[in-house]
Amino acid sequence: MKTHVHHHLFYAAYGWLALSGVLHFGADVVSQYLRGKREPGLETTLYYGLNTALSLGQLMFGLLGLYVAWKAMHLLAATPALVLALAAGLGWLAIGFVFIEYWQPKLNITIFCVLIVAAFATRP
């Protein structure tokens, strides 16, 4: 079976998304909770909730993308799937710029968006 560059870009994009979701959760939720960096209260609960929801969404979308890439790559190369992936990335990026104070999650999502655009550009 012949593979194309865009196949590798899909694996890279969705693998990166899943990995960055796990790393985001570890750095912004687990690490800060274990070190006691935030005072208990409503703001802390909202902070942990936002970061948990964002990282879980990235992880699940990334794992779903990897599964579809593994089983039916042609579905990911279709324009609707690419538009959906880019819309999800841009939505996460908007959440990051509005609600997240750190630059790393924004960079991680930007990398995902760039990989999706590159996969679109290299479709046969």
Protein backbone atom coordinates (compact mmCIF):
# COMPACT_ATOMS: atom_id res chain seq x y z
CA MET A 1 0.00 0.00 0.00
CA LYS A 2 1.42 3.34 -1.05
CA THR A 3 1.49 6.07 1.59
CA HIS A 4 1.51 9.74 0.86
CA VAL A 5 2.97 12.68 2.73
CA HIS A 6 -0.49 13.77 3.86
CA HIS A 7 -0.95 10.40 5.61
CA HIS A 8 2.06 11.12 7.78
CA LEU A 9 0.82 14.67 8.39
CA PHE A 10 -2.52 13.34 9.63
CA TYR A 11 -0.78 10.95 12.02
CA ALA A 12 1.49 13.77 13.18
CA ALA A 13 -1.40 16.22 13.65
CA TYR A 14 -3.67 13.90 15.62
CA GLY A 15 -0.81 12.30 17.52
CA TRP A 16 0.45 15.76 18.47
CA LEU A 17 -3.06 16.77 19.55
CA ALA A 18 -3.44 13.72 21.81
CA LEU A 19 0.05 14.13 23.27
CA SER A 20 -0.34 17.86 23.87
CA GLY A 21 -3.70 17.23 25.57
CA VAL A 22 -2.05 14.83 28.03
CA LEU A 23 0.89 17.17 28.60
CA HIS A 24 -1.42 20.16 29.08
CA PHE A 25 -3.39 18.27 31.72
CA GLY A 26 -0.21 17.19 33.46
CA ALA A 27 1.33 20.66 33.53
CA ASP A 28 -1.68 22.88 34.16
CA VAL A 29 -3.84 20.67 36.36
CA VAL A 30 -1.99 17.79 38.01
CA SER A 31 1.31 19.59 38.59
CA GLN A 32 -0.27 22.72 39.99
CA TYR A 33 -2.66 20.74 42.17
CA LEU A 34 0.12 18.58 43.63
CA ARG A 35 2.34 21.61 44.31
CA GLY A 36 -0.54 23.57 45.85
CA LYS A 37 0.03 26.53 43.52
CA ARG A 38 -3.56 27.77 43.72
CA GLU A 39 -5.62 28.71 46.74
CA PRO A 40 -8.78 26.58 47.12
CA GLY A 41 -11.86 28.44 45.91
CA LEU A 42 -14.19 29.10 43.02
CA GLU A 43 -11.49 30.60 40.78
CA THR A 44 -9.27 27.56 41.27
CA THR A 45 -12.16 25.19 40.54
CA LEU A 46 -12.94 27.09 37.34
CA TYR A 47 -9.25 27.10 36.37
CA TYR A 48 -8.91 23.35 36.84
CA GLY A 49 -12.24 22.73 35.14
CA LEU A 50 -11.38 24.80 32.06
CA ASN A 51 -7.96 23.24 31.65
CA THR A 52 -9.30 19.72 32.26
CA ALA A 53 -12.08 20.16 29.70
CA LEU A 54 -9.71 21.64 27.13
CA SER A 55 -7.09 18.92 27.53
CA LEU A 56 -9.67 16.10 27.60
CA GLY A 57 -11.27 17.42 24.42
CA GLN A 58 -7.88 17.57 22.71
CA LEU A 59 -6.98 14.07 23.87
CA MET A 60 -10.27 12.52 22.75
CA PHE A 61 -10.34 14.34 19.39
CA GLY A 62 -6.70 13.35 18.83
CA LEU A 63 -7.34 9.69 19.66
CA LEU A 64 -10.43 9.65 17.44
CA GLY A 65 -8.40 11.18 14.61
CA LEU A 66 -5.66 8.58 15.04
CA TYR A 67 -8.22 5.78 14.99
CA VAL A 68 -9.88 7.09 11.82
CA ALA A 69 -6.45 7.59 10.22
CA TRP A 70 -5.58 4.00 11.03
CA LYS A 71 -8.87 2.50 9.80
CA ALA A 72 -10.04 4.87 7.03
CA MET A 73 -7.49 7.48 6.00
CA HIS A 74 -9.61 8.56 3.05
CA LEU A 75 -12.23 9.95 5.45
CA LEU A 76 -9.73 12.37 7.01
CA ALA A 77 -8.61 13.61 3.61
CA ALA A 78 -12.18 14.63 2.72
CA THR A 79 -12.82 18.36 2.82
CA PRO A 80 -15.57 18.20 5.52
CA ALA A 81 -13.25 16.35 7.92
CA LEU A 82 -10.46 18.84 7.30
CA VAL A 83 -12.80 21.78 7.84
CA LEU A 84 -14.07 20.18 11.08
CA ALA A 85 -10.52 19.60 12.34
CA LEU A 86 -9.47 23.15 11.51
CA ALA A 87 -12.62 24.57 13.12
CA ALA A 88 -11.91 22.57 16.28
CA GLY A 89 -8.33 23.83 16.31
CA LEU A 90 -9.40 27.43 15.82
CA GLY A 91 -12.01 27.03 18.58
CA TRP A 92 -9.40 25.71 20.99
CA LEU A 93 -7.10 28.54 19.97
CA ALA A 94 -9.85 31.10 20.69
CA ILE A 95 -10.43 29.54 24.12
CA GLY A 96 -6.71 29.67 24.75
CA PHE A 97 -6.38 33.35 23.87
CA VAL A 98 -9.43 34.37 25.89
CA PHE A 99 -9.07 32.20 28.99
CA ILE A 100 -5.59 30.72 29.30
CA GLU A 101 -2.71 32.78 30.59
CA TYR A 102 0.12 30.51 29.41
CA TRP A 103 1.52 30.54 25.87
CA GLN A 104 2.32 26.81 25.60
CA PRO A 105 -1.26 25.54 24.99
CA LYS A 106 -1.70 28.19 22.30
CA LEU A 107 1.49 27.06 20.59
CA ASN A 108 0.42 23.40 20.77
CA ILE A 109 -2.90 24.12 19.06
CA THR A 110 -1.21 26.35 16.49
CA ILE A 111 1.07 23.43 15.58
CA PHE A 112 -2.01 21.19 15.17
CA CYS A 113 -3.68 23.76 12.90
CA VAL A 114 -0.53 24.12 10.79
CA LEU A 115 -0.28 20.33 10.41
CA ILE A 116 -3.94 20.12 9.32
CA VAL A 117 -3.43 22.90 6.75
CA ALA A 118 -0.29 21.10 5.51
CA ALA A 119 -2.24 17.83 5.21
CA PHE A 120 -4.90 19.68 3.20
CA ALA A 121 -2.27 21.22 0.93
CA THR A 122 -0.60 17.86 0.23
CA ARG A 123 -3.73 15.90 -0.65
CA PRO A 124 -3.48 14.09 -3.99
